[in-house]
């Protein structure tokens, strides 16, 4: 029942956002006009009508979440069911915006280090900044995708990426 209410609320917000003007892809700035902790309603007003909404079942009802996909912006926002705030932003390779410090998908690893310092852990594929909630996926020393989490996020993806 709680999941159905959450889903209904998201659908109503989407309908309300239907007339909202979605900013262009290049004007999205992670940490500035789009960030974890902001309300889902604000994000929908900014991003416009999503391409897809998924309801994700958790191991128990309190761990259920929703994923709102925007292929036109190259991102997915995630929120826990029953809560109105974004807990996770997933940036795909097609994301055309930037981070507040100017890093973009396609940026070189040394540029990222110059802006954010050395990651806490680093493999050939993932640069982890867990204290900030940032996880950057790399290929050929270039940023190809990113996952940004709010502090103490209950989203399952955070538990999986920290393994």
Protein backbone atom coordinates (compact mmCIF):
# COMPACT_ATOMS: atom_id res chain seq x y z
CA UNK A 1 0.00 0.00 0.00
CA UNK A 2 2.82 2.39 0.92
CA UNK A 3 4.56 1.58 -2.36
CA UNK A 4 1.37 2.26 -4.31
CA UNK A 5 0.99 5.65 -2.59
CA UNK A 6 4.60 6.53 -3.39
CA UNK A 7 4.14 5.56 -7.01
CA UNK A 8 0.90 7.57 -7.22
CA UNK A 9 2.64 10.63 -5.75
CA UNK A 10 5.43 10.36 -8.32
CA UNK A 11 2.91 10.10 -11.15
CA UNK A 12 1.07 13.18 -9.90
CA UNK A 13 4.35 15.09 -9.70
CA UNK A 14 5.16 14.05 -13.26
CA UNK A 15 1.80 15.27 -14.48
CA UNK A 16 2.33 18.56 -12.67
CA UNK A 17 5.76 18.85 -14.23
CA UNK A 18 4.36 18.20 -17.70
CA UNK A 19 4.16 21.91 -18.39
CA UNK A 20 7.49 22.65 -16.74
CA UNK A 21 10.28 23.89 -18.91
CA UNK A 22 13.15 21.40 -18.80
CA UNK A 23 16.54 23.05 -18.93
CA UNK A 24 18.92 22.03 -21.66
CA UNK A 25 21.23 19.10 -21.04
CA UNK A 26 24.36 21.24 -20.92
CA UNK A 27 22.89 23.47 -18.19
CA UNK A 28 22.69 20.62 -15.67
CA UNK A 29 25.32 21.02 -12.98
CA UNK A 30 25.66 18.25 -10.42
CA UNK A 31 26.02 19.78 -6.98
CA UNK A 32 24.43 23.05 -8.06
CA UNK A 33 21.03 22.81 -9.76
CA UNK A 34 20.76 19.01 -9.48
CA UNK A 35 21.95 17.31 -6.31
CA UNK A 36 21.25 14.51 -3.87
CA UNK A 37 19.07 15.67 -1.02
CA UNK A 38 16.90 17.90 -3.21
CA UNK A 39 13.22 17.08 -3.52
CA UNK A 40 12.04 14.76 -6.27
CA UNK A 41 9.47 17.41 -7.16
CA UNK A 42 12.21 20.02 -7.76
CA UNK A 43 14.14 17.55 -9.91
CA UNK A 44 11.09 16.75 -12.03
CA UNK A 45 10.44 20.48 -12.54
CA UNK A 46 14.06 20.86 -13.68
CA UNK A 47 14.27 17.74 -15.85
CA UNK A 48 10.74 17.52 -17.27
CA UNK A 49 8.79 14.38 -18.07
CA UNK A 50 10.84 11.21 -17.52
CA UNK A 51 11.19 8.47 -20.07
CA UNK A 52 10.63 5.68 -17.57
CA UNK A 53 9.82 5.07 -13.90
CA UNK A 54 10.69 1.83 -12.14
CA UNK A 55 9.67 0.64 -8.71
CA UNK A 56 12.44 -1.40 -7.09
CA UNK A 57 11.56 -3.88 -4.38
CA UNK A 58 13.96 -4.00 -1.47
CA UNK A 59 14.61 -6.84 0.93
CA UNK A 60 11.78 -5.37 3.04
CA UNK A 61 9.18 -2.64 2.35
CA UNK A 62 11.27 0.08 4.03
CA UNK A 63 13.98 -0.59 1.40
CA UNK A 64 11.71 -0.14 -1.64
CA UNK A 65 12.77 2.64 -4.00
CA UNK A 66 11.87 4.33 -7.26
CA UNK A 67 14.10 5.08 -10.24
CA UNK A 68 13.20 7.91 -12.59
CA UNK A 69 15.04 7.68 -15.91
CA UNK A 70 15.84 10.61 -18.20
CA UNK A 71 17.54 9.26 -21.31
CA UNK A 72 17.34 12.73 -22.88
CA UNK A 73 19.60 14.03 -20.08
CA UNK A 74 21.65 10.86 -19.64
CA UNK A 75 20.76 10.30 -16.01
CA UNK A 76 18.61 8.41 -13.53
CA UNK A 77 17.48 9.75 -10.18
CA UNK A 78 16.66 7.37 -7.32
CA UNK A 79 14.61 7.94 -4.18
CA UNK A 80 13.38 5.73 -1.38
CA UNK A 81 9.65 5.01 -1.54
CA UNK A 82 7.68 7.21 0.80
CA UNK A 83 10.41 9.85 0.91
CA UNK A 84 10.45 12.88 -1.32
CA UNK A 85 14.20 13.41 -1.67
CA UNK A 86 16.79 12.17 -4.12
CA UNK A 87 19.23 9.69 -2.57
CA UNK A 88 21.18 8.71 -5.65
CA UNK A 89 21.95 10.25 -9.04
CA UNK A 90 23.33 7.98 -11.73
CA UNK A 91 25.08 9.64 -14.67
CA UNK A 92 25.30 7.67 -17.89
CA UNK A 93 27.85 8.05 -20.69
CA UNK A 94 25.39 10.30 -22.54
CA UNK A 95 25.23 12.90 -19.72
CA UNK A 96 26.13 16.30 -21.21
CA UNK A 97 26.15 18.40 -18.05
CA UNK A 98 29.00 18.85 -15.60
CA UNK A 99 29.93 18.76 -11.95
CA UNK A 100 30.16 21.99 -9.98
CA UNK A 101 33.97 21.87 -10.22
CA UNK A 102 33.79 21.60 -14.04
CA UNK A 103 34.47 17.88 -14.46
CA UNK A 104 32.39 16.23 -17.21
CA UNK A 105 31.85 12.77 -18.63
CA UNK A 106 34.93 12.27 -20.80
CA UNK A 107 37.24 14.25 -18.51
CA UNK A 108 40.70 12.80 -18.00
CA UNK A 109 41.70 11.19 -14.72
CA UNK A 110 44.45 13.78 -13.95
CA UNK A 111 41.85 16.58 -14.32
CA UNK A 112 39.61 14.82 -11.82
CA UNK A 113 42.52 14.46 -9.37
CA UNK A 114 43.31 18.15 -9.83
CA UNK A 115 39.78 19.12 -8.81
CA UNK A 116 39.00 16.55 -6.12
CA UNK A 117 42.32 15.10 -4.96
CA UNK A 118 43.21 11.41 -4.85
CA UNK A 119 40.27 9.08 -4.35
CA UNK A 120 40.11 7.04 -1.16
CA UNK A 121 40.28 3.85 -3.21
CA UNK A 122 41.17 3.43 -6.85
CA UNK A 123 41.06 0.57 -9.30
CA UNK A 124 41.48 0.65 -13.06
CA UNK A 125 37.71 1.02 -13.30
CA UNK A 126 36.42 2.91 -10.25
CA UNK A 127 37.59 5.98 -8.35
CA UNK A 128 35.83 6.02 -4.97
CA UNK A 129 35.25 9.10 -2.82
CA UNK A 130 32.93 7.50 -0.22
CA UNK A 131 33.05 10.43 2.22
CA UNK A 132 31.53 12.59 -0.52
CA UNK A 133 29.28 9.82 -1.86
CA UNK A 134 30.95 9.93 -5.30
CA UNK A 135 31.88 6.89 -7.37
CA UNK A 136 33.39 7.55 -10.80
CA UNK A 137 33.66 4.81 -13.41
CA UNK A 138 36.74 5.12 -15.59
CA UNK A 139 37.81 3.62 -18.92
CA UNK A 140 41.17 4.40 -20.52
CA UNK A 141 41.77 6.99 -17.78
CA UNK A 142 38.61 8.92 -18.71
CA UNK A 143 35.41 9.43 -16.75
CA UNK A 144 32.63 7.40 -18.41
CA UNK A 145 29.88 7.41 -15.76
CA UNK A 146 29.25 8.37 -12.16
CA UNK A 147 27.08 7.54 -9.17
CA UNK A 148 26.40 10.14 -6.50
CA UNK A 149 24.80 9.15 -3.19
CA UNK A 150 23.43 11.11 -0.25
CA UNK A 151 24.93 10.49 3.18
CA UNK A 152 23.58 7.35 4.85
CA UNK A 153 21.68 6.39 1.70
CA UNK A 154 19.64 3.19 1.95
CA UNK A 155 19.75 2.65 -1.83
CA UNK A 156 20.94 -0.89 -2.56
CA UNK A 157 23.37 0.27 -5.28
CA UNK A 158 25.52 1.97 -2.61
CA UNK A 159 25.91 -1.27 -0.68
CA UNK A 160 26.85 -3.05 -3.90
CA UNK A 161 29.44 -0.50 -5.07
CA UNK A 162 31.16 -0.41 -1.67
CA UNK A 163 31.91 -4.16 -1.80
